[in-house]
PDB file of N, CA and C in Angstrom:
ATOM      1  N   MET A   1     130.093 -72.876  -6.519  1.00  0.00           N
ATOM      2  CA  MET A   1     130.733 -72.754  -7.356  1.00  0.00           C
ATOM      3  C   MET A   1     130.279 -73.389  -8.500  1.00  0.00           C
ATOM      4  N   LYS A   2     129.649 -74.520  -7.861  1.00  0.00           N
ATOM      5  CA  LYS A   2     128.513 -76.236  -9.358  1.00  0.00           C
ATOM      6  C   LYS A   2     127.769 -74.601 -10.185  1.00  0.00           C
ATOM      7  N   ARG A   3     126.807 -73.814  -9.217  1.00  0.00           N
ATOM      8  CA  ARG A   3     125.648 -73.161  -9.532  1.00  0.00           C
ATOM      9  C   ARG A   3     126.514 -72.036 -10.319  1.00  0.00           C
ATOM     10  N   THR A   4     127.494 -71.192 -10.355  1.00  0.00           N
ATOM     11  CA  THR A   4     127.910 -70.624 -10.957  1.00  0.00           C
ATOM     12  C   THR A   4     128.494 -71.175 -12.565  1.00  0.00           C
ATOM     13  N   CYS A   5     128.779 -72.694 -12.198  1.00  0.00           N
ATOM     14  CA  CYS A   5     129.053 -73.338 -13.663  1.00  0.00           C
ATOM     15  C   CYS A   5     127.846 -73.964 -14.314  1.00  0.00           C
ATOM     16  N   TYR A   6     126.666 -74.876 -13.641  1.00  0.00           N
ATOM     17  CA  TYR A   6     125.452 -74.277 -14.219  1.00  0.00           C
ATOM     18  C   TYR A   6     124.917 -73.203 -15.055  1.00  0.00           C
ATOM     19  N   LEU A   7     125.598 -72.067 -14.325  1.00  0.00           N
ATOM     20  CA  LEU A   7     124.521 -71.229 -15.463  1.00  0.00           C
ATOM     21  C   LEU A   7     125.479 -70.444 -16.770  1.00  0.00           C
ATOM     22  N   LEU A   8     126.427 -70.580 -16.097  1.00  0.00           N
ATOM     23  CA  LEU A   8     127.923 -70.883 -17.285  1.00  0.00           C
ATOM     24  C   LEU A   8     127.515 -71.700 -18.478  1.00  0.00           C
ATOM     25  N   VAL A   9     127.262 -72.554 -18.080  1.00  0.00           N
ATOM     26  CA  VAL A   9     126.649 -74.031 -18.965  1.00  0.00           C
ATOM     27  C   VAL A   9     125.570 -73.861 -19.467  1.00  0.00           C
ATOM     28  N   LEU A  10     124.098 -73.458 -18.811  1.00  0.00           N
ATOM     29  CA  LEU A  10     123.356 -73.354 -19.941  1.00  0.00           C
ATOM     30  C   LEU A  10     122.902 -71.151 -20.529  1.00  0.00           C
ATOM     31  N   ALA A  11     124.140 -70.543 -20.082  1.00  0.00           N
ATOM     32  CA  ALA A  11     124.736 -69.670 -21.266  1.00  0.00           C
ATOM     33  C   ALA A  11     124.781 -69.717 -22.286  1.00  0.00           C
ATOM     34  N   ALA A  12     125.316 -70.976 -22.013  1.00  0.00           N
ATOM     35  CA  ALA A  12     126.873 -71.639 -23.184  1.00  0.00           C
ATOM     36  C   ALA A  12     125.531 -72.404 -24.280  1.00  0.00           C
ATOM     37  N   LEU A  13     125.097 -73.423 -23.557  1.00  0.00           N
ATOM     38  CA  LEU A  13     123.928 -73.958 -24.417  1.00  0.00           C
ATOM     39  C   LEU A  13     123.126 -72.962 -25.365  1.00  0.00           C
ATOM     40  N   MET A  14     123.113 -71.811 -25.072  1.00  0.00           N
ATOM     41  CA  MET A  14     122.146 -71.242 -25.861  1.00  0.00           C
ATOM     42  C   MET A  14     122.948 -70.740 -27.090  1.00  0.00           C
ATOM     43  N   LEU A  15     124.139 -71.060 -26.512  1.00  0.00           N
ATOM     44  CA  LEU A  15     125.398 -70.198 -28.086  1.00  0.00           C
ATOM     45  C   LEU A  15     125.365 -71.700 -28.876  1.00  0.00           C
ATOM     46  N   VAL A  16     125.282 -72.395 -28.283  1.00  0.00           N
ATOM     47  CA  VAL A  16     125.631 -73.696 -29.059  1.00  0.00           C
ATOM     48  C   VAL A  16     124.094 -73.690 -30.228  1.00  0.00           C
ATOM     49  N   ALA A  17     122.625 -73.773 -29.959  1.00  0.00           N
ATOM     50  CA  ALA A  17     121.525 -73.492 -30.145  1.00  0.00           C
ATOM     51  C   ALA A  17     121.558 -72.727 -31.309  1.00  0.00           C
ATOM     52  N   VAL A  18     122.557 -71.591 -31.288  1.00  0.00           N
ATOM     53  CA  VAL A  18     121.978 -70.344 -32.291  1.00  0.00           C
ATOM     54  C   VAL A  18     123.457 -70.499 -33.147  1.00  0.00           C
ATOM     55  N   ALA A  19     123.512 -70.085 -34.345  1.00  0.00           N
ATOM     56  CA  ALA A  19     125.037 -70.446 -34.646  1.00  0.00           C
ATOM     57  C   ALA A  19     125.602 -68.929 -34.419  1.00  0.00           C
ATOM     58  N   LEU A  20     127.388 -69.384 -33.913  1.00  0.00           N
ATOM     59  CA  LEU A  20     127.864 -68.345 -33.361  1.00  0.00           C
ATOM     60  C   LEU A  20     128.439 -67.144 -34.070  1.00  0.00           C
ATOM     61  N   PRO A  21     127.902 -66.505 -34.944  1.00  0.00           N
ATOM     62  CA  PRO A  21     128.950 -65.270 -35.536  1.00  0.00           C
ATOM     63  C   PRO A  21     129.957 -64.474 -35.222  1.00  0.00           C
ATOM     64  N   VAL A  22     130.979 -64.698 -35.997  1.00  0.00           N
ATOM     65  CA  VAL A  22     132.015 -63.681 -35.605  1.00  0.00           C
ATOM     66  C   VAL A  22     132.952 -63.149 -36.392  1.00  0.00           C
ATOM     67  N   SER A  23     132.513 -61.825 -35.782  1.00  0.00           N
ATOM     68  CA  SER A  23     132.854 -60.631 -36.734  1.00  0.00           C
ATOM     69  C   SER A  23     134.429 -60.017 -36.602  1.00  0.00           C
ATOM     70  N   PRO A  24     134.782 -59.833 -37.786  1.00  0.00           N
ATOM     71  CA  PRO A  24     136.108 -59.224 -37.714  1.00  0.00           C
ATOM     72  C   PRO A  24     136.631 -58.812 -36.810  1.00  0.00           C
ATOM     73  N   GLN A  25     136.927 -58.153 -35.607  1.00  0.00           N
ATOM     74  CA  GLN A  25     136.352 -57.752 -35.084  1.00  0.00           C
ATOM     75  C   GLN A  25     137.559 -58.545 -33.636  1.00  0.00           C
ATOM     76  N   GLY A  26     136.823 -59.946 -33.688  1.00  0.00           N
ATOM     77  CA  GLY A  26     136.725 -60.590 -33.080  1.00  0.00           C
ATOM     78  C   GLY A  26     135.936 -61.037 -32.099  1.00  0.00           C
ATOM     79  N   GLN A  27     134.001 -60.348 -31.661  1.00  0.00           N
ATOM     80  CA  GLN A  27     133.297 -60.025 -31.450  1.00  0.00           C
ATOM     81  C   GLN A  27     132.619 -61.173 -31.270  1.00  0.00           C
ATOM     82  N   TYR A  28     131.884 -61.895 -30.424  1.00  0.00           N
ATOM     83  CA  TYR A  28     131.108 -62.976 -30.667  1.00  0.00           C
ATOM     84  C   TYR A  28     129.793 -61.969 -29.888  1.00  0.00           C
ATOM     85  N   PRO A  29     128.969 -61.656 -30.737  1.00  0.00           N
ATOM     86  CA  PRO A  29     127.737 -60.958 -30.122  1.00  0.00           C
ATOM     87  C   PRO A  29     126.523 -61.435 -29.476  1.00  0.00           C
ATOM     88  N   ILE A  30     127.032 -63.028 -30.024  1.00  0.00           N
ATOM     89  CA  ILE A  30     125.797 -63.736 -29.430  1.00  0.00           C
ATOM     90  C   ILE A  30     126.386 -64.072 -27.468  1.00  0.00           C
ATOM     91  N   ALA A  31     127.420 -64.597 -27.566  1.00  0.00           N
ATOM     92  CA  ALA A  31     128.436 -64.351 -26.176  1.00  0.00           C
ATOM     93  C   ALA A  31     127.957 -63.629 -25.618  1.00  0.00           C
ATOM     94  N   ASP A  32     128.190 -61.942 -25.876  1.00  0.00           N
ATOM     95  CA  ASP A  32     127.567 -60.761 -25.179  1.00  0.00           C
ATOM     96  C   ASP A  32     125.892 -60.643 -24.613  1.00  0.00           C
ATOM     97  N   LYS A  33     125.048 -61.348 -25.451  1.00  0.00           N
ATOM     98  CA  LYS A  33     123.699 -61.399 -24.758  1.00  0.00           C
ATOM     99  C   LYS A  33     123.833 -62.589 -24.528  1.00  0.00           C
ATOM    100  N   VAL A  34     124.087 -63.497 -24.186  1.00  0.00           N
ATOM    101  CA  VAL A  34     123.725 -64.703 -23.347  1.00  0.00           C
ATOM    102  C   VAL A  34     124.617 -64.114 -21.935  1.00  0.00           C
ATOM    103  N   ALA A  35     125.613 -63.279 -22.046  1.00  0.00           N
ATOM    104  CA  ALA A  35     126.743 -62.898 -21.044  1.00  0.00           C
ATOM    105  C   ALA A  35     125.959 -61.412 -20.060  1.00  0.00           C
ATOM    106  N   ALA A  36     124.897 -60.839 -20.621  1.00  0.00           N
ATOM    107  CA  ALA A  36     123.792 -59.961 -20.728  1.00  0.00           C
ATOM    108  C   ALA A  36     122.882 -61.168 -20.059  1.00  0.00           C
ATOM    109  N   LYS A  37     122.732 -61.836 -20.186  1.00  0.00           N
ATOM    110  CA  LYS A  37     121.383 -62.370 -19.549  1.00  0.00           C
ATOM    111  C   LYS A  37     121.733 -63.366 -18.329  1.00  0.00           C
ATOM    112  N   VAL A  38     122.435 -64.227 -18.305  1.00  0.00           N
ATOM    113  CA  VAL A  38     123.127 -64.847 -17.294  1.00  0.00           C
ATOM    114  C   VAL A  38     123.672 -63.573 -16.114  1.00  0.00           C
ATOM    115  N   ILE A  39     123.933 -62.335 -16.740  1.00  0.00           N
ATOM    116  CA  ILE A  39     124.591 -61.645 -15.163  1.00  0.00           C
ATOM    117  C   ILE A  39     123.519 -60.843 -14.912  1.00  0.00           C
ATOM    118  N   GLU A  40     122.549 -60.741 -15.851  1.00  0.00           N
ATOM    119  CA  GLU A  40     121.344 -60.541 -14.812  1.00  0.00           C
ATOM    120  C   GLU A  40     120.230 -60.755 -14.492  1.00  0.00           C
ATOM    121  N   LYS A  41     120.561 -62.284 -14.690  1.00  0.00           N
ATOM    122  CA  LYS A  41     120.180 -63.742 -13.561  1.00  0.00           C
ATOM    123  C   LYS A  41     120.472 -63.207 -12.009  1.00  0.00           C
ATOM    124  N   TYR A  42     121.217 -63.390 -12.204  1.00  0.00           N
ATOM    125  CA  TYR A  42     122.197 -62.908 -10.971  1.00  0.00           C
ATOM    126  C   TYR A  42     122.500 -61.839 -10.171  1.00  0.00           C
ATOM    127  N   GLN A  43     122.582 -60.663 -11.176  1.00  0.00           N
ATOM    128  CA  GLN A  43     122.088 -59.394 -10.447  1.00  0.00           C
ATOM    129  C   GLN A  43     120.311 -59.492  -9.568  1.00  0.00           C
ATOM    130  N   THR A  44     119.583 -60.107 -10.643  1.00  0.00           N
ATOM    131  CA  THR A  44     118.145 -59.984  -9.956  1.00  0.00           C
ATOM    132  C   THR A  44     117.800 -60.710  -8.780  1.00  0.00           C
ATOM    133  N   SER A  45     118.300 -62.138  -8.928  1.00  0.00           N
ATOM    134  CA  SER A  45     117.689 -63.110  -7.995  1.00  0.00           C
ATOM    135  C   SER A  45     118.637 -62.829  -6.238  1.00  0.00           C
ATOM    136  N   SER A  46     117.656 -63.507  -5.668  1.00  0.00           N
ATOM    137  CA  SER A  46     117.919 -63.224  -4.335  1.00  0.00           C
ATOM    138  C   SER A  46     119.010 -64.053  -3.877  1.00  0.00           C
ATOM    139  N   CYS A  47     120.097 -64.503  -2.810  1.00  0.00           N
ATOM    140  CA  CYS A  47     120.717 -65.085  -2.117  1.00  0.00           C
ATOM    141  C   CYS A  47     120.257 -66.303  -1.872  1.00  0.00           C
ATOM    142  N   GLN A  48     118.664 -66.306  -1.805  1.00  0.00           N
ATOM    143  CA  GLN A  48     117.873 -67.598  -1.498  1.00  0.00           C
ATOM    144  C   GLN A  48     118.257 -67.996  -2.588  1.00  0.00           C
ATOM    145  N   GLN A  49     117.516 -67.590  -3.322  1.00  0.00           N
ATOM    146  CA  GLN A  49     117.473 -68.417  -5.088  1.00  0.00           C
ATOM    147  C   GLN A  49     118.062 -68.775  -5.402  1.00  0.00           C
ATOM    148  N   LEU A  50     119.570 -68.204  -5.521  1.00  0.00           N
ATOM    149  CA  LEU A  50     120.897 -68.386  -5.917  1.00  0.00           C
ATOM    150  C   LEU A  50     121.265 -70.217  -4.745  1.00  0.00           C
ATOM    151  N   ALA A  51     120.985 -70.030  -3.594  1.00  0.00           N
ATOM    152  CA  ALA A  51     121.113 -71.047  -2.731  1.00  0.00           C
ATOM    153  C   ALA A  51     120.443 -72.711  -3.296  1.00  0.00           C
ATOM    154  N   ALA A  52     119.161 -71.894  -3.546  1.00  0.00           N
ATOM    155  CA  ALA A  52     118.245 -72.741  -4.037  1.00  0.00           C
ATOM    156  C   ALA A  52     118.705 -73.662  -5.638  1.00  0.00           C
ATOM    157  N   MET A  53     119.342 -72.670  -6.505  1.00  0.00           N
ATOM    158  CA  MET A  53     119.476 -73.281  -7.627  1.00  0.00           C
ATOM    159  C   MET A  53     121.086 -74.290  -7.611  1.00  0.00           C
ATOM    160  N   LYS A  54     121.847 -73.343  -6.260  1.00  0.00           N
ATOM    161  CA  LYS A  54     122.588 -74.753  -6.550  1.00  0.00           C
ATOM    162  C   LYS A  54     122.613 -76.067  -5.554  1.00  0.00           C
ATOM    163  N   LYS A  55     121.365 -76.116  -4.800  1.00  0.00           N
ATOM    164  CA  LYS A  55     120.926 -77.388  -4.372  1.00  0.00           C
ATOM    165  C   LYS A  55     120.389 -78.329  -5.888  1.00  0.00           C
ATOM    166  N   GLU A  56     119.638 -77.528  -7.203  1.00  0.00           N
ATOM    167  CA  GLU A  56     118.721 -78.114  -7.768  1.00  0.00           C
ATOM    168  C   GLU A  56     119.911 -78.896  -9.220  1.00  0.00           C
ATOM    169  N   PRO A  57     120.425 -79.869  -9.143  1.00  0.00           N
ATOM    170  CA  PRO A  57     121.035 -80.272  -9.772  1.00  0.00           C
ATOM    171  C   PRO A  57     119.970 -80.450 -12.118  1.00  0.00           C
ATOM    172  N   PRO A  58     120.881 -79.821 -12.691  1.00  0.00           N
ATOM    173  CA  PRO A  58     119.584 -79.758 -14.027  1.00  0.00           C
ATOM    174  C   PRO A  58     119.239 -81.903 -14.141  1.00  0.00           C
ATOM    175  N   SER A  59     118.143 -82.116 -14.541  1.00  0.00           N
ATOM    176  CA  SER A  59     118.053 -82.829 -14.936  1.00  0.00           C
ATOM    177  C   SER A  59     117.599 -83.278 -16.373  1.00  0.00           C
ATOM    178  N   GLY A  60     116.988 -84.283 -16.985  1.00  0.00           N
ATOM    179  CA  GLY A  60     116.351 -84.500 -18.516  1.00  0.00           C
ATOM    180  C   GLY A  60     117.327 -83.930 -19.579  1.00  0.00           C
ATOM    181  N   PRO A  61     116.661 -83.312 -19.638  1.00  0.00           N
ATOM    182  CA  PRO A  61     117.215 -81.974 -21.190  1.00  0.00           C
ATOM    183  C   PRO A  61     118.405 -81.312 -20.794  1.00  0.00           C
ATOM    184  N   ASP A  62     118.183 -80.745 -19.244  1.00  0.00           N
ATOM    185  CA  ASP A  62     118.787 -79.364 -19.290  1.00  0.00           C
ATOM    186  C   ASP A  62     120.342 -80.257 -18.623  1.00  0.00           C
ATOM    187  N   ALA A  63     120.260 -81.319 -18.537  1.00  0.00           N
ATOM    188  CA  ALA A  63     121.265 -82.251 -17.917  1.00  0.00           C
ATOM    189  C   ALA A  63     122.200 -82.671 -19.035  1.00  0.00           C
ATOM    190  N   GLU A  64     121.124 -82.958 -20.629  1.00  0.00           N
ATOM    191  CA  GLU A  64     122.180 -82.606 -21.586  1.00  0.00           C
ATOM    192  C   GLU A  64     122.545 -81.822 -22.560  1.00  0.00           C
ATOM    193  N   MET A  65     121.544 -80.510 -21.769  1.00  0.00           N
ATOM    194  CA  MET A  65     122.165 -79.423 -22.292  1.00  0.00           C
ATOM    195  C   MET A  65     123.569 -79.208 -21.476  1.00  0.00           C
ATOM    196  N   LYS A  66     123.833 -78.935 -20.824  1.00  0.00           N
ATOM    197  CA  LYS A  66     124.678 -79.017 -19.706  1.00  0.00           C
ATOM    198  C   LYS A  66     126.132 -79.610 -20.573  1.00  0.00           C
ATOM    199  N   GLN A  67     126.056 -80.478 -20.970  1.00  0.00           N
ATOM    200  CA  GLN A  67     127.362 -81.655 -21.480  1.00  0.00           C
ATOM    201  C   GLN A  67     127.494 -80.845 -22.658  1.00  0.00           C
ATOM    202  N   ARG A  68     126.879 -80.731 -24.071  1.00  0.00           N
ATOM    203  CA  ARG A  68     126.936 -80.165 -24.849  1.00  0.00           C
ATOM    204  C   ARG A  68     127.289 -79.136 -24.329  1.00  0.00           C
ATOM    205  N   ALA A  69     127.020 -77.798 -24.041  1.00  0.00           N
ATOM    206  CA  ALA A  69     127.326 -76.784 -23.688  1.00  0.00           C
ATOM    207  C   ALA A  69     128.976 -76.938 -23.457  1.00  0.00           C
ATOM    208  N   ILE A  70     129.589 -77.894 -22.162  1.00  0.00           N
ATOM    209  CA  ILE A  70     130.747 -77.629 -21.492  1.00  0.00           C
ATOM    210  C   ILE A  70     131.567 -78.186 -22.967  1.00  0.00           C
ATOM    211  N   THR A  71     130.753 -79.388 -23.853  1.00  0.00           N
ATOM    212  CA  THR A  71     131.571 -79.178 -24.744  1.00  0.00           C
ATOM    213  C   THR A  71     132.161 -78.542 -25.757  1.00  0.00           C
ATOM    214  N   PHE A  72     131.008 -77.307 -26.085  1.00  0.00           N
ATOM    215  CA  PHE A  72     131.303 -76.383 -26.859  1.00  0.00           C
ATOM    216  C   PHE A  72     132.108 -75.653 -26.605  1.00  0.00           C
ATOM    217  N   LEU A  73     132.129 -75.169 -25.043  1.00  0.00           N
ATOM    218  CA  LEU A  73     132.799 -74.676 -24.414  1.00  0.00           C
ATOM    219  C   LEU A  73     134.596 -74.816 -24.152  1.00  0.00           C
ATOM    220  N   LYS A  74     134.511 -76.330 -24.585  1.00  0.00           N
ATOM    221  CA  LYS A  74     136.063 -76.997 -24.377  1.00  0.00           C
ATOM    222  C   LYS A  74     136.982 -76.817 -25.765  1.00  0.00           C
ATOM    223  N   GLN A  75     135.733 -76.707 -26.800  1.00  0.00           N
ATOM    224  CA  GLN A  75     136.344 -76.712 -28.377  1.00  0.00           C
ATOM    225  C   GLN A  75     136.805 -74.938 -29.029  1.00  0.00           C
ATOM    226  N   ASP A  76     135.895 -74.620 -28.176  1.00  0.00           N
ATOM    227  CA  ASP A  76     136.239 -72.950 -28.127  1.00  0.00           C
ATOM    228  C   ASP A  76     137.097 -72.056 -27.259  1.00  0.00           C
ATOM    229  N   ALA A  77     138.336 -72.186 -27.165  1.00  0.00           N
ATOM    230  CA  ALA A  77     138.859 -71.326 -26.278  1.00  0.00           C
ATOM    231  C   ALA A  77     139.190 -69.940 -26.289  1.00  0.00           C
ATOM    232  N   GLN A  78     138.554 -69.560 -27.823  1.00  0.00           N
ATOM    233  CA  GLN A  78     138.612 -67.652 -27.227  1.00  0.00           C
ATOM    234  C   GLN A  78     137.372 -67.983 -27.050  1.00  0.00           C
ATOM    235  N   MET A  79     136.563 -68.170 -26.959  1.00  0.00           N
ATOM    236  CA  MET A  79     134.888 -67.550 -27.089  1.00  0.00           C
ATOM    237  C   MET A  79     135.096 -68.097 -25.381  1.00  0.00           C
ATOM    238  N   ARG A  80     135.304 -69.045 -24.542  1.00  0.00           N
ATOM    239  CA  ARG A  80     135.343 -69.389 -23.544  1.00  0.00           C
ATOM    240  C   ARG A  80     135.950 -68.366 -22.755  1.00  0.00           C
ATOM    241  N   GLN A  81     137.134 -68.209 -23.225  1.00  0.00           N
ATOM    242  CA  GLN A  81     137.973 -66.738 -22.390  1.00  0.00           C
ATOM    243  C   GLN A  81     137.095 -65.818 -22.571  1.00  0.00           C
ATOM    244  N   TYR A  82     136.301 -65.017 -24.028  1.00  0.00           N
ATOM    245  CA  TYR A  82     135.701 -63.902 -23.524  1.00  0.00           C
ATOM    246  C   TYR A  82     134.218 -64.279 -22.959  1.00  0.00           C
ATOM    247  N   PHE A  83     133.498 -64.700 -23.131  1.00  0.00           N
ATOM    248  CA  PHE A  83     132.606 -65.404 -22.687  1.00  0.00           C
ATOM    249  C   PHE A  83     132.622 -64.904 -21.067  1.00  0.00           C
ATOM    250  N   LEU A  84     133.721 -66.055 -20.455  1.00  0.00           N
ATOM    251  CA  LEU A  84     134.349 -65.856 -18.778  1.00  0.00           C
ATOM    252  C   LEU A  84     134.701 -64.793 -18.104  1.00  0.00           C
ATOM    253  N   ASP A  85     135.590 -63.990 -19.141  1.00  0.00           N
ATOM    254  CA  ASP A  85     135.471 -62.210 -18.735  1.00  0.00           C
ATOM    255  C   ASP A  85     134.848 -61.718 -18.748  1.00  0.00           C
ATOM    256  N   LYS A  86     133.677 -61.683 -19.757  1.00  0.00           N
ATOM    257  CA  LYS A  86     132.407 -60.902 -19.374  1.00  0.00           C
ATOM    258  C   LYS A  86     131.391 -61.556 -18.257  1.00  0.00           C
ATOM    259  N   VAL A  87     131.446 -62.478 -17.476  1.00  0.00           N
ATOM    260  CA  VAL A  87     130.694 -63.219 -16.519  1.00  0.00           C
ATOM    261  C   VAL A  87     131.116 -62.933 -15.288  1.00  0.00           C
ATOM    262  N   ALA A  88     132.549 -63.422 -15.138  1.00  0.00           N
ATOM    263  CA  ALA A  88     133.071 -63.499 -13.643  1.00  0.00           C
ATOM    264  C   ALA A  88     132.868 -63.134 -12.836  1.00  0.00           C
ATOM    265  N   GLY A  89     133.374 -61.366 -13.003  1.00  0.00           N
ATOM    266  CA  GLY A  89     133.248 -60.655 -12.301  1.00  0.00           C
ATOM    267  C   GLY A  89     132.296 -60.624 -11.584  1.00  0.00           C
ATOM    268  N   PRO A  90     130.803 -60.013 -12.706  1.00  0.00           N
ATOM    269  CA  PRO A  90     130.256 -59.619 -11.686  1.00  0.00           C
ATOM    270  C   PRO A  90     128.622 -61.021 -11.138  1.00  0.00           C
ATOM    271  N   ILE A  91     129.806 -62.099 -11.339  1.00  0.00           N
ATOM    272  CA  ILE A  91     128.862 -63.408 -10.746  1.00  0.00           C
ATOM    273  C   ILE A  91     130.020 -63.534  -9.097  1.00  0.00           C
ATOM    274  N   ALA A  92     131.411 -63.374  -9.492  1.00  0.00           N
ATOM    275  CA  ALA A  92     131.753 -63.158  -8.083  1.00  0.00           C
ATOM    276  C   ALA A  92     131.377 -62.439  -6.903  1.00  0.00           C
ATOM    277  N   ASN A  93     131.517 -61.209  -7.708  1.00  0.00           N
ATOM    278  CA  ASN A  93     130.702 -60.593  -6.612  1.00  0.00           C
ATOM    279  C   ASN A  93     129.562 -60.649  -6.141  1.00  0.00           C
ATOM    280  N   LYS A  94     128.629 -61.532  -6.653  1.00  0.00           N
ATOM    281  CA  LYS A  94     126.685 -61.275  -5.845  1.00  0.00           C
ATOM    282  C   LYS A  94     127.601 -62.875  -5.430  1.00  0.00           C
ATOM    283  N   LEU A  95     128.373 -63.644  -5.562  1.00  0.00           N
ATOM    284  CA  LEU A  95     128.454 -64.495  -4.230  1.00  0.00           C
ATOM    285  C   LEU A  95     128.943 -64.370  -3.215  1.00  0.00           C
ATOM    286  N   PHE A  96     130.227 -63.205  -3.718  1.00  0.00           N
ATOM    287  CA  PHE A  96     130.557 -62.602  -2.289  1.00  0.00           C
ATOM    288  C   PHE A  96     129.360 -61.908  -1.642  1.00  0.00           C
ATOM    289  N   GLU A  97     128.937 -61.469  -2.070  1.00  0.00           N
ATOM    290  CA  GLU A  97     127.702 -60.410  -1.150  1.00  0.00           C
ATOM    291  C   GLU A  97     126.500 -61.112  -0.469  1.00  0.00           C
ATOM    292  N   CYS A  98     126.555 -62.700  -0.919  1.00  0.00           N
ATOM    293  CA  CYS A  98     125.819 -63.545  -0.320  1.00  0.00           C
ATOM    294  C   CYS A  98     126.509 -64.531   0.520  1.00  0.00           C
ATOM    295  N   GLY A  99     127.637 -64.145   0.739  1.00  0.00           N
ATOM    296  CA  GLY A  99     128.192 -64.957   1.514  1.00  0.00           C
ATOM    297  C   GLY A  99     128.655 -66.591   0.785  1.00  0.00           C
ATOM    298  N   MET A 100     128.550 -66.793  -0.296  1.00  0.00           N
ATOM    299  CA  MET A 100     128.466 -68.181  -1.512  1.00  0.00           C
ATOM    300  C   MET A 100     130.065 -68.530  -0.930  1.00  0.00           C
ATOM    301  N   ILE A 101     130.693 -67.637  -1.347  1.00  0.00           N
ATOM    302  CA  ILE A 101     132.479 -68.111  -1.745  1.00  0.00           C
ATOM    303  C   ILE A 101     133.074 -66.969  -0.749  1.00  0.00           C
ATOM    304  N   PRO A 102     134.563 -66.767   0.295  1.00  0.00           N
ATOM    305  CA  PRO A 102     134.893 -66.504   1.140  1.00  0.00           C
ATOM    306  C   PRO A 102     135.360 -65.056   0.373  1.00  0.00           C
TER     307      PRO A 102
END
């Protein structure tokens, strides 16, 4: 769970770093790109790599970026839901395959 949060926060951080334009259709193109990268990271990482990421808490600039991303996600509920809807399934599936969630 911490690993999932860590990657989601890093992805959200990318959203903070770049202006997040919202199209008239309600889409979040930057969120789509970041979600694709997060999903790719999970799909291409081995279970051992994912376990190692879980054990390594962010430090220094990563910790600050994580906090900024959490704040950003808390402030924009629609974007947060959109982003989480995109990444939750693939992440949960990989964690299940790795025996990291029941």
